[in-house]
Amino acid sequence: MTIIHTEQQLVTLINVFTVEPGRQQELVDFLAHITATIINKQPGYISANIHKSLDGTKVTNYAQWRSQAYFEAMLNNPKAREHMQQVMQIATKAEPTLYEVAYIDHVEEHTPHASGI
């Protein structure tokens, strides 16, 4: 499960993929498949969340790793590398960047707004 805290000693990968209209779900499905079958078995893996843009042109992977070293080890895994090459057969662009959590804000109790939105 993804838990976000500033005190956590981990790194976050945010990878924004650009896709041609009509290929978004294909990329979502493929990323989910390789995450469930390969990536989540790698040492240091914590979680992954795949988001798709409402305009159909972007897919964002938000993944947590125990350290940058674990993330880099995954990149050097031949199976993972092979599948990432397949990802780039679907996506036209990838923008992977590692982050650390700097600030968090959230509502303690989730209640619907009076406006119904």
PDB file of N, CA and C in Angstrom:
ATOM      1  N   MET A   1       0.845  -1.171   0.000  1.00  0.00           N
ATOM      2  CA  MET A   1       0.000   0.000   0.000  1.00  0.00           C
ATOM      3  C   MET A   1       0.896   1.242   0.000  1.00  0.00           C
ATOM      4  N   THR A   2       0.493   2.222  -0.747  1.00  0.00           N
ATOM      5  CA  THR A   2       1.222   3.471  -0.791  1.00  0.00           C
ATOM      6  C   THR A   2       0.876   4.296   0.438  1.00  0.00           C
ATOM      7  N   ILE A   3       1.899   4.620   1.213  1.00  0.00           N
ATOM      8  CA  ILE A   3       1.753   5.497   2.363  1.00  0.00           C
ATOM      9  C   ILE A   3       2.768   6.614   2.155  1.00  0.00           C
ATOM     10  N   ILE A   4       2.305   7.839   2.249  1.00  0.00           N
ATOM     11  CA  ILE A   4       3.191   8.967   1.985  1.00  0.00           C
ATOM     12  C   ILE A   4       3.422   9.740   3.284  1.00  0.00           C
ATOM     13  N   HIS A   5       4.683   9.795   3.699  1.00  0.00           N
ATOM     14  CA  HIS A   5       5.106  10.544   4.879  1.00  0.00           C
ATOM     15  C   HIS A   5       6.435  11.209   4.573  1.00  0.00           C
ATOM     16  N   THR A   6       6.654  12.373   5.136  1.00  0.00           N
ATOM     17  CA  THR A   6       7.945  13.038   4.936  1.00  0.00           C
ATOM     18  C   THR A   6       9.057  12.335   5.698  1.00  0.00           C
ATOM     19  N   GLU A   7       8.716  11.550   6.730  1.00  0.00           N
ATOM     20  CA  GLU A   7       9.727  10.865   7.538  1.00  0.00           C
ATOM     21  C   GLU A   7      10.228   9.573   6.896  1.00  0.00           C
ATOM     22  N   GLN A   8       9.551   9.080   5.864  1.00  0.00           N
ATOM     23  CA  GLN A   8       9.946   7.822   5.245  1.00  0.00           C
ATOM     24  C   GLN A   8      11.288   7.955   4.540  1.00  0.00           C
ATOM     25  N   GLN A   9      12.098   6.944   4.696  1.00  0.00           N
ATOM     26  CA  GLN A   9      13.376   6.886   4.007  1.00  0.00           C
ATOM     27  C   GLN A   9      13.193   6.043   2.748  1.00  0.00           C
ATOM     28  N   LEU A  10      12.688   6.676   1.687  1.00  0.00           N
ATOM     29  CA  LEU A  10      12.464   5.983   0.432  1.00  0.00           C
ATOM     30  C   LEU A  10      12.555   6.975  -0.703  1.00  0.00           C
ATOM     31  N   VAL A  11      12.482   6.468  -1.911  1.00  0.00           N
ATOM     32  CA  VAL A  11      12.431   7.343  -3.080  1.00  0.00           C
ATOM     33  C   VAL A  11      11.152   7.052  -3.844  1.00  0.00           C
ATOM     34  N   THR A  12      10.668   8.070  -4.506  1.00  0.00           N
ATOM     35  CA  THR A  12       9.462   7.956  -5.310  1.00  0.00           C
ATOM     36  C   THR A  12       9.820   8.182  -6.768  1.00  0.00           C
ATOM     37  N   LEU A  13       9.424   7.242  -7.599  1.00  0.00           N
ATOM     38  CA  LEU A  13       9.557   7.404  -9.046  1.00  0.00           C
ATOM     39  C   LEU A  13       8.245   7.968  -9.552  1.00  0.00           C
ATOM     40  N   ILE A  14       8.317   9.085 -10.251  1.00  0.00           N
ATOM     41  CA  ILE A  14       7.160   9.590 -10.977  1.00  0.00           C
ATOM     42  C   ILE A  14       7.568   9.590 -12.445  1.00  0.00           C
ATOM     43  N   ASN A  15       6.909   8.727 -13.208  1.00  0.00           N
ATOM     44  CA  ASN A  15       7.237   8.578 -14.622  1.00  0.00           C
ATOM     45  C   ASN A  15       5.998   8.946 -15.426  1.00  0.00           C
ATOM     46  N   VAL A  16       6.106  10.014 -16.191  1.00  0.00           N
ATOM     47  CA  VAL A  16       4.997  10.467 -17.021  1.00  0.00           C
ATOM     48  C   VAL A  16       5.251  10.011 -18.457  1.00  0.00           C
ATOM     49  N   PHE A  17       4.352   9.158 -18.939  1.00  0.00           N
ATOM     50  CA  PHE A  17       4.433   8.651 -20.306  1.00  0.00           C
ATOM     51  C   PHE A  17       3.459   9.426 -21.183  1.00  0.00           C
ATOM     52  N   THR A  18       3.874   9.738 -22.385  1.00  0.00           N
ATOM     53  CA  THR A  18       2.988  10.328 -23.386  1.00  0.00           C
ATOM     54  C   THR A  18       2.615   9.222 -24.358  1.00  0.00           C
ATOM     55  N   VAL A  19       1.329   9.165 -24.699  1.00  0.00           N
ATOM     56  CA  VAL A  19       0.835   8.145 -25.626  1.00  0.00           C
ATOM     57  C   VAL A  19      -0.016   8.792 -26.696  1.00  0.00           C
ATOM     58  N   GLU A  20      -0.089   8.118 -27.828  1.00  0.00           N
ATOM     59  CA  GLU A  20      -1.000   8.557 -28.882  1.00  0.00           C
ATOM     60  C   GLU A  20      -2.432   8.325 -28.396  1.00  0.00           C
ATOM     61  N   PRO A  21      -3.347   9.200 -28.772  1.00  0.00           N
ATOM     62  CA  PRO A  21      -4.741   8.966 -28.405  1.00  0.00           C
ATOM     63  C   PRO A  21      -5.173   7.564 -28.858  1.00  0.00           C
ATOM     64  N   GLY A  22      -5.867   6.870 -28.006  1.00  0.00           N
ATOM     65  CA  GLY A  22      -6.296   5.518 -28.325  1.00  0.00           C
ATOM     66  C   GLY A  22      -5.378   4.427 -27.800  1.00  0.00           C
ATOM     67  N   ARG A  23      -4.174   4.778 -27.336  1.00  0.00           N
ATOM     68  CA  ARG A  23      -3.246   3.755 -26.822  1.00  0.00           C
ATOM     69  C   ARG A  23      -3.078   3.832 -25.307  1.00  0.00           C
ATOM     70  N   GLN A  24      -3.790   4.757 -24.682  1.00  0.00           N
ATOM     71  CA  GLN A  24      -3.633   4.963 -23.246  1.00  0.00           C
ATOM     72  C   GLN A  24      -3.945   3.691 -22.447  1.00  0.00           C
ATOM     73  N   GLN A  25      -5.099   3.085 -22.690  1.00  0.00           N
ATOM     74  CA  GLN A  25      -5.481   1.897 -21.913  1.00  0.00           C
ATOM     75  C   GLN A  25      -4.538   0.737 -22.171  1.00  0.00           C
ATOM     76  N   GLU A  26      -4.035   0.632 -23.387  1.00  0.00           N
ATOM     77  CA  GLU A  26      -3.051  -0.410 -23.708  1.00  0.00           C
ATOM     78  C   GLU A  26      -1.823  -0.265 -22.813  1.00  0.00           C
ATOM     79  N   LEU A  27      -1.351   0.975 -22.636  1.00  0.00           N
ATOM     80  CA  LEU A  27      -0.186   1.203 -21.785  1.00  0.00           C
ATOM     81  C   LEU A  27      -0.530   0.946 -20.324  1.00  0.00           C
ATOM     82  N   VAL A  28      -1.678   1.409 -19.870  1.00  0.00           N
ATOM     83  CA  VAL A  28      -2.096   1.148 -18.490  1.00  0.00           C
ATOM     84  C   VAL A  28      -2.104  -0.362 -18.233  1.00  0.00           C
ATOM     85  N   ASP A  29      -2.716  -1.118 -19.114  1.00  0.00           N
ATOM     86  CA  ASP A  29      -2.809  -2.567 -18.946  1.00  0.00           C
ATOM     87  C   ASP A  29      -1.436  -3.221 -18.943  1.00  0.00           C
ATOM     88  N   PHE A  30      -0.546  -2.777 -19.835  1.00  0.00           N
ATOM     89  CA  PHE A  30       0.786  -3.380 -19.898  1.00  0.00           C
ATOM     90  C   PHE A  30       1.596  -3.043 -18.656  1.00  0.00           C
ATOM     91  N   LEU A  31       1.550  -1.787 -18.208  1.00  0.00           N
ATOM     92  CA  LEU A  31       2.266  -1.406 -16.985  1.00  0.00           C
ATOM     93  C   LEU A  31       1.737  -2.182 -15.783  1.00  0.00           C
ATOM     94  N   ALA A  32       0.426  -2.339 -15.687  1.00  0.00           N
ATOM     95  CA  ALA A  32      -0.156  -3.112 -14.583  1.00  0.00           C
ATOM     96  C   ALA A  32       0.328  -4.554 -14.640  1.00  0.00           C
ATOM     97  N   HIS A  33       0.372  -5.117 -15.839  1.00  0.00           N
ATOM     98  CA  HIS A  33       0.817  -6.503 -16.000  1.00  0.00           C
ATOM     99  C   HIS A  33       2.281  -6.677 -15.575  1.00  0.00           C
ATOM    100  N   ILE A  34       3.175  -5.834 -16.079  1.00  0.00           N
ATOM    101  CA  ILE A  34       4.588  -6.023 -15.714  1.00  0.00           C
ATOM    102  C   ILE A  34       4.842  -5.683 -14.252  1.00  0.00           C
ATOM    103  N   THR A  35       4.058  -4.772 -13.692  1.00  0.00           N
ATOM    104  CA  THR A  35       4.201  -4.474 -12.269  1.00  0.00           C
ATOM    105  C   THR A  35       3.811  -5.695 -11.449  1.00  0.00           C
ATOM    106  N   ALA A  36       2.686  -6.317 -11.792  1.00  0.00           N
ATOM    107  CA  ALA A  36       2.184  -7.460 -11.029  1.00  0.00           C
ATOM    108  C   ALA A  36       3.002  -8.735 -11.221  1.00  0.00           C
ATOM    109  N   THR A  37       3.707  -8.851 -12.332  1.00  0.00           N
ATOM    110  CA  THR A  37       4.426 -10.092 -12.610  1.00  0.00           C
ATOM    111  C   THR A  37       5.943 -10.001 -12.453  1.00  0.00           C
ATOM    112  N   ILE A  38       6.503  -8.806 -12.558  1.00  0.00           N
ATOM    113  CA  ILE A  38       7.969  -8.671 -12.514  1.00  0.00           C
ATOM    114  C   ILE A  38       8.429  -7.615 -11.500  1.00  0.00           C
ATOM    115  N   ILE A  39       7.949  -6.402 -11.667  1.00  0.00           N
ATOM    116  CA  ILE A  39       8.462  -5.288 -10.873  1.00  0.00           C
ATOM    117  C   ILE A  39       8.228  -5.498  -9.382  1.00  0.00           C
ATOM    118  N   ASN A  40       7.032  -5.955  -9.001  1.00  0.00           N
ATOM    119  CA  ASN A  40       6.738  -6.082  -7.575  1.00  0.00           C
ATOM    120  C   ASN A  40       7.484  -7.232  -6.901  1.00  0.00           C
ATOM    121  N   LYS A  41       8.215  -8.001  -7.667  1.00  0.00           N
ATOM    122  CA  LYS A  41       9.031  -9.082  -7.108  1.00  0.00           C
ATOM    123  C   LYS A  41      10.479  -8.627  -6.879  1.00  0.00           C
ATOM    124  N   GLN A  42      10.810  -7.412  -7.273  1.00  0.00           N
ATOM    125  CA  GLN A  42      12.173  -6.916  -7.158  1.00  0.00           C
ATOM    126  C   GLN A  42      12.458  -6.454  -5.730  1.00  0.00           C
ATOM    127  N   PRO A  43      13.665  -6.720  -5.234  1.00  0.00           N
ATOM    128  CA  PRO A  43      14.026  -6.239  -3.897  1.00  0.00           C
ATOM    129  C   PRO A  43      13.895  -4.712  -3.811  1.00  0.00           C
ATOM    130  N   GLY A  44      13.360  -4.242  -2.709  1.00  0.00           N
ATOM    131  CA  GLY A  44      13.240  -2.814  -2.483  1.00  0.00           C
ATOM    132  C   GLY A  44      11.964  -2.185  -2.997  1.00  0.00           C
ATOM    133  N   TYR A  45      11.162  -2.948  -3.735  1.00  0.00           N
ATOM    134  CA  TYR A  45       9.889  -2.440  -4.244  1.00  0.00           C
ATOM    135  C   TYR A  45       8.911  -2.259  -3.079  1.00  0.00           C
ATOM    136  N   ILE A  46       8.170  -1.145  -3.090  1.00  0.00           N
ATOM    137  CA  ILE A  46       7.152  -0.906  -2.071  1.00  0.00           C
ATOM    138  C   ILE A  46       5.761  -0.871  -2.689  1.00  0.00           C
ATOM    139  N   SER A  47       5.551  -0.007  -3.674  1.00  0.00           N
ATOM    140  CA  SER A  47       4.210   0.128  -4.242  1.00  0.00           C
ATOM    141  C   SER A  47       4.273   0.824  -5.586  1.00  0.00           C
ATOM    142  N   ALA A  48       3.177   0.695  -6.332  1.00  0.00           N
ATOM    143  CA  ALA A  48       3.033   1.415  -7.599  1.00  0.00           C
ATOM    144  C   ALA A  48       1.582   1.814  -7.774  1.00  0.00           C
ATOM    145  N   ASN A  49       1.387   2.959  -8.379  1.00  0.00           N
ATOM    146  CA  ASN A  49       0.061   3.480  -8.684  1.00  0.00           C
ATOM    147  C   ASN A  49       0.109   4.018 -10.097  1.00  0.00           C
ATOM    148  N   ILE A  50      -0.818   3.566 -10.926  1.00  0.00           N
ATOM    149  CA  ILE A  50      -0.828   3.990 -12.322  1.00  0.00           C
ATOM    150  C   ILE A  50      -2.046   4.882 -12.534  1.00  0.00           C
ATOM    151  N   HIS A  51      -1.794   6.054 -13.064  1.00  0.00           N
ATOM    152  CA  HIS A  51      -2.847   7.047 -13.300  1.00  0.00           C
ATOM    153  C   HIS A  51      -2.946   7.308 -14.797  1.00  0.00           C
ATOM    154  N   LYS A  52      -4.158   7.610 -15.270  1.00  0.00           N
ATOM    155  CA  LYS A  52      -4.313   7.986 -16.674  1.00  0.00           C
ATOM    156  C   LYS A  52      -5.000   9.343 -16.748  1.00  0.00           C
ATOM    157  N   SER A  53      -4.512  10.170 -17.661  1.00  0.00           N
ATOM    158  CA  SER A  53      -5.052  11.523 -17.795  1.00  0.00           C
ATOM    159  C   SER A  53      -6.436  11.475 -18.428  1.00  0.00           C
ATOM    160  N   LEU A  54      -7.231  12.447 -18.101  1.00  0.00           N
ATOM    161  CA  LEU A  54      -8.587  12.514 -18.633  1.00  0.00           C
ATOM    162  C   LEU A  54      -8.615  12.799 -20.128  1.00  0.00           C
ATOM    163  N   ASP A  55      -7.538  13.404 -20.651  1.00  0.00           N
ATOM    164  CA  ASP A  55      -7.512  13.696 -22.086  1.00  0.00           C
ATOM    165  C   ASP A  55      -7.004  12.524 -22.929  1.00  0.00           C
ATOM    166  N   GLY A  56      -6.596  11.423 -22.271  1.00  0.00           N
ATOM    167  CA  GLY A  56      -6.189  10.218 -22.992  1.00  0.00           C
ATOM    168  C   GLY A  56      -4.777  10.220 -23.539  1.00  0.00           C
ATOM    169  N   THR A  57      -3.957  11.216 -23.198  1.00  0.00           N
ATOM    170  CA  THR A  57      -2.621  11.315 -23.785  1.00  0.00           C
ATOM    171  C   THR A  57      -1.473  11.051 -22.812  1.00  0.00           C
ATOM    172  N   LYS A  58      -1.766  10.842 -21.542  1.00  0.00           N
ATOM    173  CA  LYS A  58      -0.703  10.635 -20.547  1.00  0.00           C
ATOM    174  C   LYS A  58      -1.048   9.451 -19.653  1.00  0.00           C
ATOM    175  N   VAL A  59      -0.003   8.750 -19.212  1.00  0.00           N
ATOM    176  CA  VAL A  59      -0.101   7.729 -18.175  1.00  0.00           C
ATOM    177  C   VAL A  59       1.028   8.037 -17.202  1.00  0.00           C
ATOM    178  N   THR A  60       0.698   8.096 -15.919  1.00  0.00           N
ATOM    179  CA  THR A  60       1.700   8.406 -14.908  1.00  0.00           C
ATOM    180  C   THR A  60       1.827   7.243 -13.936  1.00  0.00           C
ATOM    181  N   ASN A  61       3.057   6.823 -13.724  1.00  0.00           N
ATOM    182  CA  ASN A  61       3.358   5.770 -12.762  1.00  0.00           C
ATOM    183  C   ASN A  61       3.989   6.430 -11.548  1.00  0.00           C
ATOM    184  N   TYR A  62       3.353   6.274 -10.389  1.00  0.00           N
ATOM    185  CA  TYR A  62       3.867   6.774  -9.113  1.00  0.00           C
ATOM    186  C   TYR A  62       4.281   5.543  -8.322  1.00  0.00           C
ATOM    187  N   ALA A  63       5.580   5.314  -8.185  1.00  0.00           N
ATOM    188  CA  ALA A  63       6.074   4.101  -7.528  1.00  0.00           C
ATOM    189  C   ALA A  63       7.035   4.446  -6.404  1.00  0.00           C
ATOM    190  N   GLN A  64       6.971   3.662  -5.338  1.00  0.00           N
ATOM    191  CA  GLN A  64       7.862   3.868  -4.197  1.00  0.00           C
ATOM    192  C   GLN A  64       8.871   2.721  -4.117  1.00  0.00           C
ATOM    193  N   TRP A  65      10.123   3.095  -3.823  1.00  0.00           N
ATOM    194  CA  TRP A  65      11.221   2.146  -3.663  1.00  0.00           C
ATOM    195  C   TRP A  65      11.950   2.453  -2.362  1.00  0.00           C
ATOM    196  N   ARG A  66      12.514   1.435  -1.736  1.00  0.00           N
ATOM    197  CA  ARG A  66      13.207   1.617  -0.454  1.00  0.00           C
ATOM    198  C   ARG A  66      14.425   2.530  -0.569  1.00  0.00           C
ATOM    199  N   SER A  67      15.035   2.565  -1.743  1.00  0.00           N
ATOM    200  CA  SER A  67      16.194   3.446  -1.944  1.00  0.00           C
ATOM    201  C   SER A  67      16.446   3.605  -3.434  1.00  0.00           C
ATOM    202  N   GLN A  68      17.272   4.572  -3.763  1.00  0.00           N
ATOM    203  CA  GLN A  68      17.667   4.777  -5.155  1.00  0.00           C
ATOM    204  C   GLN A  68      18.458   3.571  -5.653  1.00  0.00           C
ATOM    205  N   ALA A  69      19.256   2.970  -4.778  1.00  0.00           N
ATOM    206  CA  ALA A  69      20.050   1.801  -5.168  1.00  0.00           C
ATOM    207  C   ALA A  69      19.142   0.632  -5.576  1.00  0.00           C
ATOM    208  N   TYR A  70      18.064   0.395  -4.831  1.00  0.00           N
ATOM    209  CA  TYR A  70      17.125  -0.669  -5.208  1.00  0.00           C
ATOM    210  C   TYR A  70      16.467  -0.358  -6.550  1.00  0.00           C
ATOM    211  N   PHE A  71      16.086   0.894  -6.744  1.00  0.00           N
ATOM    212  CA  PHE A  71      15.466   1.270  -8.012  1.00  0.00           C
ATOM    213  C   PHE A  71      16.431   1.032  -9.172  1.00  0.00           C
ATOM    214  N   GLU A  72      17.681   1.450  -8.998  1.00  0.00           N
ATOM    215  CA  GLU A  72      18.676   1.271 -10.056  1.00  0.00           C
ATOM    216  C   GLU A  72      18.971  -0.205 -10.314  1.00  0.00           C
ATOM    217  N   ALA A  73      18.938  -1.028  -9.257  1.00  0.00           N
ATOM    218  CA  ALA A  73      19.133  -2.468  -9.437  1.00  0.00           C
ATOM    219  C   ALA A  73      18.010  -3.053 -10.288  1.00  0.00           C
ATOM    220  N   MET A  74      16.774  -2.584 -10.064  1.00  0.00           N
ATOM    221  CA  MET A  74      15.653  -3.047 -10.883  1.00  0.00           C
ATOM    222  C   MET A  74      15.887  -2.680 -12.343  1.00  0.00           C
ATOM    223  N   LEU A  75      16.385  -1.470 -12.591  1.00  0.00           N
ATOM    224  CA  LEU A  75      16.638  -1.045 -13.973  1.00  0.00           C
ATOM    225  C   LEU A  75      17.676  -1.923 -14.657  1.00  0.00           C
ATOM    226  N   ASN A  76      18.575  -2.508 -13.875  1.00  0.00           N
ATOM    227  CA  ASN A  76      19.612  -3.368 -14.434  1.00  0.00           C
ATOM    228  C   ASN A  76      19.171  -4.820 -14.576  1.00  0.00           C
ATOM    229  N   ASN A  77      17.978  -5.138 -14.104  1.00  0.00           N
ATOM    230  CA  ASN A  77      17.443  -6.483 -14.235  1.00  0.00           C
ATOM    231  C   ASN A  77      17.056  -6.698 -15.701  1.00  0.00           C
ATOM    232  N   PRO A  78      17.600  -7.738 -16.354  1.00  0.00           N
ATOM    233  CA  PRO A  78      17.309  -7.944 -17.780  1.00  0.00           C
ATOM    234  C   PRO A  78      15.820  -8.071 -18.103  1.00  0.00           C
ATOM    235  N   LYS A  79      15.041  -8.765 -17.254  1.00  0.00           N
ATOM    236  CA  LYS A  79      13.604  -8.903 -17.512  1.00  0.00           C
ATOM    237  C   LYS A  79      12.908  -7.550 -17.447  1.00  0.00           C
ATOM    238  N   ALA A  80      13.241  -6.763 -16.437  1.00  0.00           N
ATOM    239  CA  ALA A  80      12.620  -5.443 -16.304  1.00  0.00           C
ATOM    240  C   ALA A  80      13.012  -4.561 -17.489  1.00  0.00           C
ATOM    241  N   ARG A  81      14.268  -4.597 -17.860  1.00  0.00           N
ATOM    242  CA  ARG A  81      14.742  -3.781 -18.982  1.00  0.00           C
ATOM    243  C   ARG A  81      14.028  -4.161 -20.277  1.00  0.00           C
ATOM    244  N   GLU A  82      13.875  -5.463 -20.499  1.00  0.00           N
ATOM    245  CA  GLU A  82      13.180  -5.944 -21.707  1.00  0.00           C
ATOM    246  C   GLU A  82      11.743  -5.413 -21.748  1.00  0.00           C
ATOM    247  N   HIS A  83      11.062  -5.466 -20.627  1.00  0.00           N
ATOM    248  CA  HIS A  83       9.678  -5.005 -20.592  1.00  0.00           C
ATOM    249  C   HIS A  83       9.577  -3.487 -20.733  1.00  0.00           C
ATOM    250  N   MET A  84      10.550  -2.765 -20.204  1.00  0.00           N
ATOM    251  CA  MET A  84      10.521  -1.307 -20.372  1.00  0.00           C
ATOM    252  C   MET A  84      10.747  -0.934 -21.835  1.00  0.00           C
ATOM    253  N   GLN A  85      11.498  -1.734 -22.558  1.00  0.00           N
ATOM    254  CA  GLN A  85      11.647  -1.496 -23.990  1.00  0.00           C
ATOM    255  C   GLN A  85      10.310  -1.703 -24.696  1.00  0.00           C
ATOM    256  N   GLN A  86       9.535  -2.694 -24.240  1.00  0.00           N
ATOM    257  CA  GLN A  86       8.208  -2.912 -24.801  1.00  0.00           C
ATOM    258  C   GLN A  86       7.271  -1.753 -24.472  1.00  0.00           C
ATOM    259  N   VAL A  87       7.417  -1.180 -23.280  1.00  0.00           N
ATOM    260  CA  VAL A  87       6.616  -0.010 -22.907  1.00  0.00           C
ATOM    261  C   VAL A  87       6.844   1.101 -23.918  1.00  0.00           C
ATOM    262  N   MET A  88       8.089   1.274 -24.315  1.00  0.00           N
ATOM    263  CA  MET A  88       8.413   2.356 -25.243  1.00  0.00           C
ATOM    264  C   MET A  88       7.980   2.047 -26.674  1.00  0.00           C
ATOM    265  N   GLN A  89       7.461   0.853 -26.931  1.00  0.00           N
ATOM    266  CA  GLN A  89       6.822   0.566 -28.208  1.00  0.00           C
ATOM    267  C   GLN A  89       5.390   1.111 -28.210  1.00  0.00           C
ATOM    268  N   ILE A  90       4.849   1.344 -27.006  1.00  0.00           N
ATOM    269  CA  ILE A  90       3.489   1.874 -26.862  1.00  0.00           C
ATOM    270  C   ILE A  90       3.534   3.385 -26.643  1.00  0.00           C
ATOM    271  N   ALA A  91       4.378   3.818 -25.729  1.00  0.00           N
ATOM    272  CA  ALA A  91       4.489   5.244 -25.405  1.00  0.00           C
ATOM    273  C   ALA A  91       5.377   5.952 -26.420  1.00  0.00           C
ATOM    274  N   THR A  92       5.119   7.227 -26.634  1.00  0.00           N
ATOM    275  CA  THR A  92       5.970   8.014 -27.520  1.00  0.00           C
ATOM    276  C   THR A  92       7.057   8.752 -26.747  1.00  0.00           C
ATOM    277  N   LYS A  93       6.869   8.857 -25.412  1.00  0.00           N
ATOM    278  CA  LYS A  93       7.822   9.583 -24.585  1.00  0.00           C
ATOM    279  C   LYS A  93       7.678   9.113 -23.144  1.00  0.00           C
ATOM    280  N   ALA A  94       8.794   9.086 -22.407  1.00  0.00           N
ATOM    281  CA  ALA A  94       8.782   8.775 -20.978  1.00  0.00           C
ATOM    282  C   ALA A  94       9.632   9.811 -20.270  1.00  0.00           C
ATOM    283  N   GLU A  95       9.169  10.254 -19.112  1.00  0.00           N
ATOM    284  CA  GLU A  95       9.897  11.245 -18.316  1.00  0.00           C
ATOM    285  C   GLU A  95      10.031  10.753 -16.877  1.00  0.00           C
ATOM    286  N   PRO A  96      10.937   9.764 -16.638  1.00  0.00           N
ATOM    287  CA  PRO A  96      11.105   9.248 -15.283  1.00  0.00           C
ATOM    288  C   PRO A  96      11.987  10.164 -14.430  1.00  0.00           C
ATOM    289  N   THR A  97      11.542  10.412 -13.207  1.00  0.00           N
ATOM    290  CA  THR A  97      12.313  11.226 -12.275  1.00  0.00           C
ATOM    291  C   THR A  97      12.124  10.670 -10.869  1.00  0.00           C
ATOM    292  N   LEU A  98      13.214  10.618 -10.097  1.00  0.00           N
ATOM    293  CA  LEU A  98      13.132  10.185  -8.705  1.00  0.00           C
ATOM    294  C   LEU A  98      12.941  11.400  -7.807  1.00  0.00           C
ATOM    295  N   TYR A  99      12.107  11.226  -6.771  1.00  0.00           N
ATOM    296  CA  TYR A  99      11.780  12.300  -5.836  1.00  0.00           C
ATOM    297  C   TYR A  99      11.867  11.809  -4.399  1.00  0.00           C
ATOM    298  N   GLU A 100      11.933  12.766  -3.484  1.00  0.00           N
ATOM    299  CA  GLU A 100      11.703  12.493  -2.075  1.00  0.00           C
ATOM    300  C   GLU A 100      10.512  13.343  -1.648  1.00  0.00           C
ATOM    301  N   VAL A 101       9.756  12.863  -0.685  1.00  0.00           N
ATOM    302  CA  VAL A 101       8.576  13.589  -0.223  1.00  0.00           C
ATOM    303  C   VAL A 101       9.033  14.809   0.571  1.00  0.00           C
ATOM    304  N   ALA A 102       8.542  15.978   0.202  1.00  0.00           N
ATOM    305  CA  ALA A 102       8.931  17.216   0.871  1.00  0.00           C
ATOM    306  C   ALA A 102       7.823  17.797   1.743  1.00  0.00           C
ATOM    307  N   TYR A 103       6.568  17.585   1.376  1.00  0.00           N
ATOM    308  CA  TYR A 103       5.452  18.176   2.118  1.00  0.00           C
ATOM    309  C   TYR A 103       4.187  17.381   1.853  1.00  0.00           C
ATOM    310  N   ILE A 104       3.354  17.268   2.875  1.00  0.00           N
ATOM    311  CA  ILE A 104       2.081  16.558   2.756  1.00  0.00           C
ATOM    312  C   ILE A 104       1.015  17.359   3.486  1.00  0.00           C
ATOM    313  N   ASP A 105      -0.184  17.374   2.912  1.00  0.00           N
ATOM    314  CA  ASP A 105      -1.343  17.978   3.560  1.00  0.00           C
ATOM    315  C   ASP A 105      -2.551  17.118   3.209  1.00  0.00           C
ATOM    316  N   HIS A 106      -3.436  16.910   4.157  1.00  0.00           N
ATOM    317  CA  HIS A 106      -4.637  16.135   3.883  1.00  0.00           C
ATOM    318  C   HIS A 106      -5.705  16.448   4.924  1.00  0.00           C
ATOM    319  N   VAL A 107      -6.929  16.170   4.558  1.00  0.00           N
ATOM    320  CA  VAL A 107      -8.059  16.332   5.453  1.00  0.00           C
ATOM    321  C   VAL A 107      -8.133  15.081   6.315  1.00  0.00           C
ATOM    322  N   GLU A 108      -8.292  15.247   7.618  1.00  0.00           N
ATOM    323  CA  GLU A 108      -8.363  14.102   8.522  1.00  0.00           C
ATOM    324  C   GLU A 108      -9.584  13.231   8.262  1.00  0.00           C
ATOM    325  N   GLU A 109     -10.744  13.847   8.095  1.00  0.00           N
ATOM    326  CA  GLU A 109     -11.971  13.097   7.874  1.00  0.00           C
ATOM    327  C   GLU A 109     -12.492  13.443   6.487  1.00  0.00           C
ATOM    328  N   HIS A 110     -12.719  12.433   5.675  1.00  0.00           N
ATOM    329  CA  HIS A 110     -13.186  12.673   4.315  1.00  0.00           C
ATOM    330  C   HIS A 110     -14.712  12.792   4.321  1.00  0.00           C
ATOM    331  N   THR A 111     -15.195  14.001   4.084  1.00  0.00           N
ATOM    332  CA  THR A 111     -16.630  14.207   4.024  1.00  0.00           C
ATOM    333  C   THR A 111     -16.965  14.908   2.709  1.00  0.00           C
ATOM    334  N   PRO A 112     -18.097  14.584   2.125  1.00  0.00           N
ATOM    335  CA  PRO A 112     -18.485  15.238   0.860  1.00  0.00           C
ATOM    336  C   PRO A 112     -18.725  16.732   1.078  1.00  0.00           C
ATOM    337  N   HIS A 113     -18.407  17.509   0.075  1.00  0.00           N
ATOM    338  CA  HIS A 113     -18.684  18.934   0.124  1.00  0.00           C
ATOM    339  C   HIS A 113     -20.184  19.173  -0.007  1.00  0.00           C
ATOM    340  N   ALA A 114     -20.649  20.241   0.581  1.00  0.00           N
ATOM    341  CA  ALA A 114     -22.075  20.557   0.559  1.00  0.00           C
ATOM    342  C   ALA A 114     -22.578  20.773  -0.863  1.00  0.00           C
ATOM    343  N   SER A 115     -21.711  21.211  -1.757  1.00  0.00           N
ATOM    344  CA  SER A 115     -22.132  21.482  -3.134  1.00  0.00           C
ATOM    345  C   SER A 115     -22.410  20.207  -3.931  1.00  0.00           C
ATOM    346  N   GLY A 116     -21.973  19.066  -3.407  1.00  0.00           N
ATOM    347  CA  GLY A 116     -22.202  17.792  -4.106  1.00  0.00           C
ATOM    348  C   GLY A 116     -21.174  17.487  -5.171  1.00  0.00           C
ATOM    349  N   ILE A 117     -20.141  18.276  -5.284  1.00  0.00           N
ATOM    350  CA  ILE A 117     -19.098  18.058  -6.293  1.00  0.00           C
ATOM    351  C   ILE A 117     -18.153  16.981  -5.839  1.00  0.00           C
TER     352      ILE A 117
END
